[in-house]
Amino acid sequence: MRYEGEIRVRWSWAELTAVREALEVTPLFAGRDELRTKLRRRPVQGRDVVLDVVLAEHLAANLIALDLPTAVAKSKLFRALQASERARRSAAAVEAA
C-alpha cells in the first residue's frame, strides 16, 4: 500500500466505538484488518485518531453508516480528507510558483 501522509480525525468516544462496531459488519476491503487493530488501541493524544491517508480513503469509501454516531464519524473523516487534499494542492501550487 502506498504512503501519502497522515491525517488526524477528532472523534468522540461514541463515534470511535461506533466506527469500531461498523467495521465488524463492513465487507472486506484493502486495509480493513490494519484499521481494526489501529482503532482497537486507545488514541494516544486525547480523542485524535491518526490514520494514513490511503487507509482513511479506504475507510471513508467502505464504511457503512448504521447509526448517527457512525454517520457523524464518516462525515468528520471526509472533512479531514478534504482538508488534507486542499493542503496538499496549495503546497504544490506554492512549489510550482
PDB file of N, CA and C in Angstrom:
ATOM      1  N   MET A   1       0.836  -1.167   0.000  1.00  0.00           N
ATOM      2  CA  MET A   1       0.000   0.000   0.000  1.00  0.00           C
ATOM      3  C   MET A   1       0.890   1.242   0.000  1.00  0.00           C
ATOM      4  N   ARG A   2       0.521   2.240  -0.764  1.00  0.00           N
ATOM      5  CA  ARG A   2       1.334   3.450  -0.855  1.00  0.00           C
ATOM      6  C   ARG A   2       1.128   4.325   0.385  1.00  0.00           C
ATOM      7  N   TYR A   3       2.082   5.210   0.624  1.00  0.00           N
ATOM      8  CA  TYR A   3       2.011   6.108   1.773  1.00  0.00           C
ATOM      9  C   TYR A   3       1.956   7.537   1.269  1.00  0.00           C
ATOM     10  N   GLU A   4       0.914   8.265   1.649  1.00  0.00           N
ATOM     11  CA  GLU A   4       0.751   9.651   1.208  1.00  0.00           C
ATOM     12  C   GLU A   4       0.681  10.630   2.365  1.00  0.00           C
ATOM     13  N   GLY A   5       1.017  10.194   3.539  1.00  0.00           N
ATOM     14  CA  GLY A   5       0.964  11.079   4.690  1.00  0.00           C
ATOM     15  C   GLY A   5      -0.075  10.602   5.689  1.00  0.00           C
ATOM     16  N   GLU A   6      -0.348  11.446   6.653  1.00  0.00           N
ATOM     17  CA  GLU A   6      -1.288  11.102   7.709  1.00  0.00           C
ATOM     18  C   GLU A   6      -2.319  12.201   7.864  1.00  0.00           C
ATOM     19  N   ILE A   7      -3.476  11.815   8.360  1.00  0.00           N
ATOM     20  CA  ILE A   7      -4.493  12.802   8.719  1.00  0.00           C
ATOM     21  C   ILE A   7      -4.891  12.547  10.166  1.00  0.00           C
ATOM     22  N   ARG A   8      -5.399  13.570  10.781  1.00  0.00           N
ATOM     23  CA  ARG A   8      -5.819  13.500  12.178  1.00  0.00           C
ATOM     24  C   ARG A   8      -7.328  13.772  12.212  1.00  0.00           C
ATOM     25  N   VAL A   9      -8.063  12.843  12.808  1.00  0.00           N
ATOM     26  CA  VAL A   9      -9.518  12.967  12.912  1.00  0.00           C
ATOM     27  C   VAL A   9      -9.881  13.004  14.389  1.00  0.00           C
ATOM     28  N   ARG A  10     -10.691  13.976  14.772  1.00  0.00           N
ATOM     29  CA  ARG A  10     -11.127  14.101  16.170  1.00  0.00           C
ATOM     30  C   ARG A  10     -12.514  13.478  16.294  1.00  0.00           C
ATOM     31  N   TRP A  11     -12.543  12.252  16.838  1.00  0.00           N
ATOM     32  CA  TRP A  11     -13.795  11.545  17.062  1.00  0.00           C
ATOM     33  C   TRP A  11     -14.090  11.499  18.550  1.00  0.00           C
ATOM     34  N   SER A  12     -15.369  11.637  18.899  1.00  0.00           N
ATOM     35  CA  SER A  12     -15.763  11.438  20.291  1.00  0.00           C
ATOM     36  C   SER A  12     -15.666   9.943  20.600  1.00  0.00           C
ATOM     37  N   TRP A  13     -15.771   9.619  21.881  1.00  0.00           N
ATOM     38  CA  TRP A  13     -15.685   8.210  22.261  1.00  0.00           C
ATOM     39  C   TRP A  13     -16.827   7.414  21.630  1.00  0.00           C
ATOM     40  N   ALA A  14     -18.022   7.996  21.574  1.00  0.00           N
ATOM     41  CA  ALA A  14     -19.174   7.312  20.969  1.00  0.00           C
ATOM     42  C   ALA A  14     -18.937   7.077  19.478  1.00  0.00           C
ATOM     43  N   GLU A  15     -18.359   8.062  18.796  1.00  0.00           N
ATOM     44  CA  GLU A  15     -18.079   7.912  17.367  1.00  0.00           C
ATOM     45  C   GLU A  15     -17.009   6.856  17.119  1.00  0.00           C
ATOM     46  N   LEU A  16     -15.979   6.855  17.937  1.00  0.00           N
ATOM     47  CA  LEU A  16     -14.918   5.856  17.790  1.00  0.00           C
ATOM     48  C   LEU A  16     -15.464   4.442  18.032  1.00  0.00           C
ATOM     49  N   THR A  17     -16.291   4.289  19.045  1.00  0.00           N
ATOM     50  CA  THR A  17     -16.912   2.997  19.316  1.00  0.00           C
ATOM     51  C   THR A  17     -17.823   2.583  18.165  1.00  0.00           C
ATOM     52  N   ALA A  18     -18.574   3.532  17.618  1.00  0.00           N
ATOM     53  CA  ALA A  18     -19.474   3.232  16.501  1.00  0.00           C
ATOM     54  C   ALA A  18     -18.694   2.811  15.259  1.00  0.00           C
ATOM     55  N   VAL A  19     -17.553   3.455  15.012  1.00  0.00           N
ATOM     56  CA  VAL A  19     -16.728   3.076  13.862  1.00  0.00           C
ATOM     57  C   VAL A  19     -16.162   1.682  14.064  1.00  0.00           C
ATOM     58  N   ARG A  20     -15.711   1.381  15.275  1.00  0.00           N
ATOM     59  CA  ARG A  20     -15.203   0.033  15.566  1.00  0.00           C
ATOM     60  C   ARG A  20     -16.274  -1.025  15.296  1.00  0.00           C
ATOM     61  N   GLU A  21     -17.499  -0.755  15.760  1.00  0.00           N
ATOM     62  CA  GLU A  21     -18.588  -1.709  15.562  1.00  0.00           C
ATOM     63  C   GLU A  21     -18.980  -1.805  14.090  1.00  0.00           C
ATOM     64  N   ALA A  22     -18.989  -0.686  13.376  1.00  0.00           N
ATOM     65  CA  ALA A  22     -19.354  -0.696  11.959  1.00  0.00           C
ATOM     66  C   ALA A  22     -18.316  -1.447  11.129  1.00  0.00           C
ATOM     67  N   LEU A  23     -17.049  -1.388  11.542  1.00  0.00           N
ATOM     68  CA  LEU A  23     -16.010  -2.127  10.828  1.00  0.00           C
ATOM     69  C   LEU A  23     -16.239  -3.635  10.903  1.00  0.00           C
ATOM     70  N   GLU A  24     -16.880  -4.089  11.967  1.00  0.00           N
ATOM     71  CA  GLU A  24     -17.132  -5.520  12.119  1.00  0.00           C
ATOM     72  C   GLU A  24     -18.157  -6.026  11.111  1.00  0.00           C
ATOM     73  N   VAL A  25     -19.080  -5.167  10.670  1.00  0.00           N
ATOM     74  CA  VAL A  25     -20.103  -5.599   9.705  1.00  0.00           C
ATOM     75  C   VAL A  25     -19.810  -5.114   8.289  1.00  0.00           C
ATOM     76  N   THR A  26     -18.750  -4.339   8.137  1.00  0.00           N
ATOM     77  CA  THR A  26     -18.368  -3.844   6.815  1.00  0.00           C
ATOM     78  C   THR A  26     -17.695  -4.964   6.034  1.00  0.00           C
ATOM     79  N   PRO A  27     -18.061  -5.128   4.759  1.00  0.00           N
ATOM     80  CA  PRO A  27     -17.402  -6.162   3.946  1.00  0.00           C
ATOM     81  C   PRO A  27     -15.899  -5.917   3.845  1.00  0.00           C
ATOM     82  N   LEU A  28     -15.174  -6.957   3.489  1.00  0.00           N
ATOM     83  CA  LEU A  28     -13.720  -6.859   3.385  1.00  0.00           C
ATOM     84  C   LEU A  28     -13.303  -5.808   2.368  1.00  0.00           C
ATOM     85  N   PHE A  29     -12.256  -5.071   2.693  1.00  0.00           N
ATOM     86  CA  PHE A  29     -11.634  -4.126   1.774  1.00  0.00           C
ATOM     87  C   PHE A  29     -10.165  -4.008   2.147  1.00  0.00           C
ATOM     88  N   ALA A  30      -9.384  -3.440   1.264  1.00  0.00           N
ATOM     89  CA  ALA A  30      -7.941  -3.325   1.490  1.00  0.00           C
ATOM     90  C   ALA A  30      -7.672  -2.486   2.735  1.00  0.00           C
ATOM     91  N   GLY A  31      -6.916  -3.028   3.673  1.00  0.00           N
ATOM     92  CA  GLY A  31      -6.544  -2.313   4.878  1.00  0.00           C
ATOM     93  C   GLY A  31      -7.508  -2.463   6.037  1.00  0.00           C
ATOM     94  N   ARG A  32      -8.554  -3.267   5.876  1.00  0.00           N
ATOM     95  CA  ARG A  32      -9.563  -3.411   6.934  1.00  0.00           C
ATOM     96  C   ARG A  32      -8.951  -3.961   8.220  1.00  0.00           C
ATOM     97  N   ASP A  33      -8.144  -5.005   8.104  1.00  0.00           N
ATOM     98  CA  ASP A  33      -7.546  -5.599   9.304  1.00  0.00           C
ATOM     99  C   ASP A  33      -6.604  -4.630  10.006  1.00  0.00           C
ATOM    100  N   GLU A  34      -5.840  -3.883   9.227  1.00  0.00           N
ATOM    101  CA  GLU A  34      -4.940  -2.888   9.818  1.00  0.00           C
ATOM    102  C   GLU A  34      -5.724  -1.807  10.549  1.00  0.00           C
ATOM    103  N   LEU A  35      -6.832  -1.367   9.963  1.00  0.00           N
ATOM    104  CA  LEU A  35      -7.674  -0.365  10.610  1.00  0.00           C
ATOM    105  C   LEU A  35      -8.281  -0.908  11.902  1.00  0.00           C
ATOM    106  N   ARG A  36      -8.723  -2.153  11.877  1.00  0.00           N
ATOM    107  CA  ARG A  36      -9.313  -2.743  13.074  1.00  0.00           C
ATOM    108  C   ARG A  36      -8.317  -2.759  14.223  1.00  0.00           C
ATOM    109  N   THR A  37      -7.080  -3.168  13.956  1.00  0.00           N
ATOM    110  CA  THR A  37      -6.087  -3.211  15.029  1.00  0.00           C
ATOM    111  C   THR A  37      -5.704  -1.802  15.483  1.00  0.00           C
ATOM    112  N   LYS A  38      -5.636  -0.871  14.553  1.00  0.00           N
ATOM    113  CA  LYS A  38      -5.278   0.509  14.907  1.00  0.00           C
ATOM    114  C   LYS A  38      -6.364   1.163  15.761  1.00  0.00           C
ATOM    115  N   LEU A  39      -7.632   0.913  15.425  1.00  0.00           N
ATOM    116  CA  LEU A  39      -8.725   1.536  16.163  1.00  0.00           C
ATOM    117  C   LEU A  39      -9.020   0.835  17.486  1.00  0.00           C
ATOM    118  N   ARG A  40      -8.535  -0.369  17.676  1.00  0.00           N
ATOM    119  CA  ARG A  40      -8.714  -1.060  18.962  1.00  0.00           C
ATOM    120  C   ARG A  40      -7.901  -0.395  20.061  1.00  0.00           C
ATOM    121  N   ARG A  41      -6.724   0.111  19.679  1.00  0.00           N
ATOM    122  CA  ARG A  41      -5.877   0.797  20.653  1.00  0.00           C
ATOM    123  C   ARG A  41      -6.473   2.155  20.986  1.00  0.00           C
ATOM    124  N   ARG A  42      -6.285   2.579  22.193  1.00  0.00           N
ATOM    125  CA  ARG A  42      -6.764   3.917  22.571  1.00  0.00           C
ATOM    126  C   ARG A  42      -5.901   4.972  21.909  1.00  0.00           C
ATOM    127  N   PRO A  43      -6.504   6.048  21.444  1.00  0.00           N
ATOM    128  CA  PRO A  43      -5.709   7.130  20.867  1.00  0.00           C
ATOM    129  C   PRO A  43      -4.745   7.698  21.900  1.00  0.00           C
ATOM    130  N   VAL A  44      -3.536   7.979  21.463  1.00  0.00           N
ATOM    131  CA  VAL A  44      -2.510   8.471  22.385  1.00  0.00           C
ATOM    132  C   VAL A  44      -2.779   9.910  22.763  1.00  0.00           C
ATOM    133  N   GLN A  45      -3.152  10.729  21.810  1.00  0.00           N
ATOM    134  CA  GLN A  45      -3.350  12.150  22.079  1.00  0.00           C
ATOM    135  C   GLN A  45      -4.826  12.480  22.155  1.00  0.00           C
ATOM    136  N   GLY A  46      -5.390  12.340  23.327  1.00  0.00           N
ATOM    137  CA  GLY A  46      -6.785  12.694  23.523  1.00  0.00           C
ATOM    138  C   GLY A  46      -7.705  11.875  22.648  1.00  0.00           C
ATOM    139  N   ARG A  47      -8.562  12.577  21.917  1.00  0.00           N
ATOM    140  CA  ARG A  47      -9.527  11.898  21.064  1.00  0.00           C
ATOM    141  C   ARG A  47      -9.100  11.883  19.607  1.00  0.00           C
ATOM    142  N   ASP A  48      -7.943  12.407  19.296  1.00  0.00           N
ATOM    143  CA  ASP A  48      -7.484  12.435  17.909  1.00  0.00           C
ATOM    144  C   ASP A  48      -7.013  11.055  17.481  1.00  0.00           C
ATOM    145  N   VAL A  49      -7.490  10.628  16.330  1.00  0.00           N
ATOM    146  CA  VAL A  49      -7.063   9.367  15.740  1.00  0.00           C
ATOM    147  C   VAL A  49      -6.239   9.711  14.509  1.00  0.00           C
ATOM    148  N   VAL A  50      -5.038   9.181  14.427  1.00  0.00           N
ATOM    149  CA  VAL A  50      -4.144   9.449  13.301  1.00  0.00           C
ATOM    150  C   VAL A  50      -4.188   8.249  12.368  1.00  0.00           C
ATOM    151  N   LEU A  51      -4.542   8.510  11.097  1.00  0.00           N
ATOM    152  CA  LEU A  51      -4.648   7.458  10.094  1.00  0.00           C
ATOM    153  C   LEU A  51      -3.820   7.821   8.871  1.00  0.00           C
ATOM    154  N   ASP A  52      -3.310   6.806   8.197  1.00  0.00           N
ATOM    155  CA  ASP A  52      -2.682   7.041   6.896  1.00  0.00           C
ATOM    156  C   ASP A  52      -3.763   7.517   5.934  1.00  0.00           C
ATOM    157  N   VAL A  53      -3.394   8.392   5.011  1.00  0.00           N
ATOM    158  CA  VAL A  53      -4.364   8.938   4.066  1.00  0.00           C
ATOM    159  C   VAL A  53      -5.009   7.829   3.241  1.00  0.00           C
ATOM    160  N   VAL A  54      -4.214   6.879   2.796  1.00  0.00           N
ATOM    161  CA  VAL A  54      -4.741   5.801   1.959  1.00  0.00           C
ATOM    162  C   VAL A  54      -5.737   4.949   2.745  1.00  0.00           C
ATOM    163  N   LEU A  55      -5.397   4.601   3.983  1.00  0.00           N
ATOM    164  CA  LEU A  55      -6.321   3.827   4.808  1.00  0.00           C
ATOM    165  C   LEU A  55      -7.589   4.616   5.110  1.00  0.00           C
ATOM    166  N   ALA A  56      -7.429   5.910   5.356  1.00  0.00           N
ATOM    167  CA  ALA A  56      -8.594   6.754   5.618  1.00  0.00           C
ATOM    168  C   ALA A  56      -9.505   6.822   4.389  1.00  0.00           C
ATOM    169  N   GLU A  57      -8.922   6.887   3.199  1.00  0.00           N
ATOM    170  CA  GLU A  57      -9.730   6.896   1.980  1.00  0.00           C
ATOM    171  C   GLU A  57     -10.491   5.584   1.824  1.00  0.00           C
ATOM    172  N   HIS A  58      -9.825   4.466   2.091  1.00  0.00           N
ATOM    173  CA  HIS A  58     -10.499   3.167   2.014  1.00  0.00           C
ATOM    174  C   HIS A  58     -11.627   3.076   3.048  1.00  0.00           C
ATOM    175  N   LEU A  59     -11.374   3.565   4.255  1.00  0.00           N
ATOM    176  CA  LEU A  59     -12.387   3.529   5.296  1.00  0.00           C
ATOM    177  C   LEU A  59     -13.581   4.402   4.914  1.00  0.00           C
ATOM    178  N   ALA A  60     -13.324   5.596   4.427  1.00  0.00           N
ATOM    179  CA  ALA A  60     -14.409   6.504   4.053  1.00  0.00           C
ATOM    180  C   ALA A  60     -15.256   5.928   2.923  1.00  0.00           C
ATOM    181  N   ALA A  61     -14.618   5.246   2.000  1.00  0.00           N
ATOM    182  CA  ALA A  61     -15.349   4.688   0.860  1.00  0.00           C
ATOM    183  C   ALA A  61     -16.159   3.453   1.234  1.00  0.00           C
ATOM    184  N   ASN A  62     -15.736   2.718   2.244  1.00  0.00           N
ATOM    185  CA  ASN A  62     -16.368   1.433   2.546  1.00  0.00           C
ATOM    186  C   ASN A  62     -17.147   1.382   3.852  1.00  0.00           C
ATOM    187  N   LEU A  63     -17.039   2.401   4.686  1.00  0.00           N
ATOM    188  CA  LEU A  63     -17.714   2.376   5.981  1.00  0.00           C
ATOM    189  C   LEU A  63     -19.224   2.505   5.788  1.00  0.00           C
ATOM    190  N   ILE A  64     -19.951   1.626   6.432  1.00  0.00           N
ATOM    191  CA  ILE A  64     -21.409   1.644   6.360  1.00  0.00           C
ATOM    192  C   ILE A  64     -21.926   2.410   7.569  1.00  0.00           C
ATOM    193  N   ALA A  65     -22.644   3.498   7.312  1.00  0.00           N
ATOM    194  CA  ALA A  65     -23.179   4.325   8.394  1.00  0.00           C
ATOM    195  C   ALA A  65     -24.488   3.711   8.886  1.00  0.00           C
ATOM    196  N   LEU A  66     -24.406   2.965   9.981  1.00  0.00           N
ATOM    197  CA  LEU A  66     -25.572   2.265  10.522  1.00  0.00           C
ATOM    198  C   LEU A  66     -26.404   3.128  11.457  1.00  0.00           C
ATOM    199  N   ASP A  67     -25.757   4.094  12.088  1.00  0.00           N
ATOM    200  CA  ASP A  67     -26.450   4.928  13.053  1.00  0.00           C
ATOM    201  C   ASP A  67     -25.860   6.336  13.011  1.00  0.00           C
ATOM    202  N   LEU A  68     -26.402   7.225  13.827  1.00  0.00           N
ATOM    203  CA  LEU A  68     -25.971   8.621  13.802  1.00  0.00           C
ATOM    204  C   LEU A  68     -24.498   8.816  14.164  1.00  0.00           C
ATOM    205  N   PRO A  69     -23.966   8.186  15.222  1.00  0.00           N
ATOM    206  CA  PRO A  69     -22.540   8.389  15.522  1.00  0.00           C
ATOM    207  C   PRO A  69     -21.620   7.931  14.385  1.00  0.00           C
ATOM    208  N   THR A  70     -21.978   6.841  13.709  1.00  0.00           N
ATOM    209  CA  THR A  70     -21.161   6.384  12.583  1.00  0.00           C
ATOM    210  C   THR A  70     -21.237   7.361  11.432  1.00  0.00           C
ATOM    211  N   ALA A  71     -22.426   7.903  11.168  1.00  0.00           N
ATOM    212  CA  ALA A  71     -22.589   8.883  10.092  1.00  0.00           C
ATOM    213  C   ALA A  71     -21.797  10.158  10.390  1.00  0.00           C
ATOM    214  N   VAL A  72     -21.822  10.599  11.634  1.00  0.00           N
ATOM    215  CA  VAL A  72     -21.059  11.795  12.016  1.00  0.00           C
ATOM    216  C   VAL A  72     -19.562  11.521  11.903  1.00  0.00           C
ATOM    217  N   ALA A  73     -19.132  10.347  12.337  1.00  0.00           N
ATOM    218  CA  ALA A  73     -17.712   9.983  12.245  1.00  0.00           C
ATOM    219  C   ALA A  73     -17.269   9.927  10.784  1.00  0.00           C
ATOM    220  N   LYS A  74     -18.109   9.382   9.920  1.00  0.00           N
ATOM    221  CA  LYS A  74     -17.784   9.313   8.493  1.00  0.00           C
ATOM    222  C   LYS A  74     -17.706  10.710   7.895  1.00  0.00           C
ATOM    223  N   SER A  75     -18.602  11.590   8.308  1.00  0.00           N
ATOM    224  CA  SER A  75     -18.575  12.979   7.842  1.00  0.00           C
ATOM    225  C   SER A  75     -17.293  13.689   8.283  1.00  0.00           C
ATOM    226  N   LYS A  76     -16.881  13.490   9.528  1.00  0.00           N
ATOM    227  CA  LYS A  76     -15.639  14.087  10.018  1.00  0.00           C
ATOM    228  C   LYS A  76     -14.435  13.539   9.265  1.00  0.00           C
ATOM    229  N   LEU A  77     -14.485  12.252   8.926  1.00  0.00           N
ATOM    230  CA  LEU A  77     -13.405  11.639   8.166  1.00  0.00           C
ATOM    231  C   LEU A  77     -13.322  12.240   6.768  1.00  0.00           C
ATOM    232  N   PHE A  78     -14.470  12.406   6.104  1.00  0.00           N
ATOM    233  CA  PHE A  78     -14.485  13.046   4.780  1.00  0.00           C
ATOM    234  C   PHE A  78     -13.935  14.470   4.846  1.00  0.00           C
ATOM    235  N   ARG A  79     -14.332  15.221   5.880  1.00  0.00           N
ATOM    236  CA  ARG A  79     -13.836  16.598   6.008  1.00  0.00           C
ATOM    237  C   ARG A  79     -12.331  16.637   6.238  1.00  0.00           C
ATOM    238  N   ALA A  80     -11.809  15.717   7.026  1.00  0.00           N
ATOM    239  CA  ALA A  80     -10.361  15.658   7.256  1.00  0.00           C
ATOM    240  C   ALA A  80      -9.624  15.308   5.974  1.00  0.00           C
ATOM    241  N   LEU A  81     -10.187  14.401   5.178  1.00  0.00           N
ATOM    242  CA  LEU A  81      -9.573  14.046   3.892  1.00  0.00           C
ATOM    243  C   LEU A  81      -9.592  15.229   2.930  1.00  0.00           C
ATOM    244  N   GLN A  82     -10.699  15.965   2.890  1.00  0.00           N
ATOM    245  CA  GLN A  82     -10.780  17.136   2.021  1.00  0.00           C
ATOM    246  C   GLN A  82      -9.783  18.207   2.440  1.00  0.00           C
ATOM    247  N   ALA A  83      -9.642  18.426   3.737  1.00  0.00           N
ATOM    248  CA  ALA A  83      -8.679  19.421   4.221  1.00  0.00           C
ATOM    249  C   ALA A  83      -7.256  18.999   3.874  1.00  0.00           C
ATOM    250  N   SER A  84      -6.966  17.716   3.981  1.00  0.00           N
ATOM    251  CA  SER A  84      -5.646  17.210   3.623  1.00  0.00           C
ATOM    252  C   SER A  84      -5.365  17.412   2.136  1.00  0.00           C
ATOM    253  N   GLU A  85      -6.359  17.139   1.319  1.00  0.00           N
ATOM    254  CA  GLU A  85      -6.195  17.319  -0.127  1.00  0.00           C
ATOM    255  C   GLU A  85      -5.997  18.798  -0.482  1.00  0.00           C
ATOM    256  N   ARG A  86      -6.748  19.684   0.162  1.00  0.00           N
ATOM    257  CA  ARG A  86      -6.572  21.130  -0.080  1.00  0.00           C
ATOM    258  C   ARG A  86      -5.179  21.587   0.318  1.00  0.00           C
ATOM    259  N   ALA A  87      -4.699  21.117   1.454  1.00  0.00           N
ATOM    260  CA  ALA A  87      -3.357  21.494   1.916  1.00  0.00           C
ATOM    261  C   ALA A  87      -2.293  20.982   0.960  1.00  0.00           C
ATOM    262  N   ARG A  88      -2.486  19.771   0.449  1.00  0.00           N
ATOM    263  CA  ARG A  88      -1.526  19.194  -0.489  1.00  0.00           C
ATOM    264  C   ARG A  88      -1.516  19.980  -1.808  1.00  0.00           C
ATOM    265  N   ARG A  89      -2.702  20.376  -2.268  1.00  0.00           N
ATOM    266  CA  ARG A  89      -2.784  21.163  -3.517  1.00  0.00           C
ATOM    267  C   ARG A  89      -2.165  22.544  -3.358  1.00  0.00           C
ATOM    268  N   SER A  90      -2.410  23.186  -2.214  1.00  0.00           N
ATOM    269  CA  SER A  90      -1.854  24.521  -2.018  1.00  0.00           C
ATOM    270  C   SER A  90      -0.335  24.462  -1.888  1.00  0.00           C
ATOM    271  N   ALA A  91       0.177  23.404  -1.254  1.00  0.00           N
ATOM    272  CA  ALA A  91       1.631  23.252  -1.153  1.00  0.00           C
ATOM    273  C   ALA A  91       2.237  23.013  -2.524  1.00  0.00           C
ATOM    274  N   ALA A  92       1.549  22.260  -3.368  1.00  0.00           N
ATOM    275  CA  ALA A  92       2.047  22.007  -4.723  1.00  0.00           C
ATOM    276  C   ALA A  92       1.994  23.290  -5.563  1.00  0.00           C
ATOM    277  N   ALA A  93       0.987  24.121  -5.334  1.00  0.00           N
ATOM    278  CA  ALA A  93       0.867  25.390  -6.074  1.00  0.00           C
ATOM    279  C   ALA A  93       1.977  26.351  -5.666  1.00  0.00           C
ATOM    280  N   VAL A  94       2.308  26.364  -4.385  1.00  0.00           N
ATOM    281  CA  VAL A  94       3.390  27.239  -3.901  1.00  0.00           C
ATOM    282  C   VAL A  94       4.728  26.796  -4.484  1.00  0.00           C
ATOM    283  N   GLU A  95       4.954  25.494  -4.532  1.00  0.00           N
ATOM    284  CA  GLU A  95       6.203  24.983  -5.087  1.00  0.00           C
ATOM    285  C   GLU A  95       6.306  25.265  -6.579  1.00  0.00           C
ATOM    286  N   ALA A  96       5.179  25.235  -7.277  1.00  0.00           N
ATOM    287  CA  ALA A  96       5.175  25.479  -8.716  1.00  0.00           C
ATOM    288  C   ALA A  96       5.421  26.947  -9.039  1.00  0.00           C
ATOM    289  N   ALA A  97       5.052  27.822  -8.118  1.00  0.00           N
ATOM    290  CA  ALA A  97       5.185  29.256  -8.389  1.00  0.00           C
ATOM    291  C   ALA A  97       6.568  29.775  -8.180  1.00  0.00           C
TER     292      ALA A  97
END
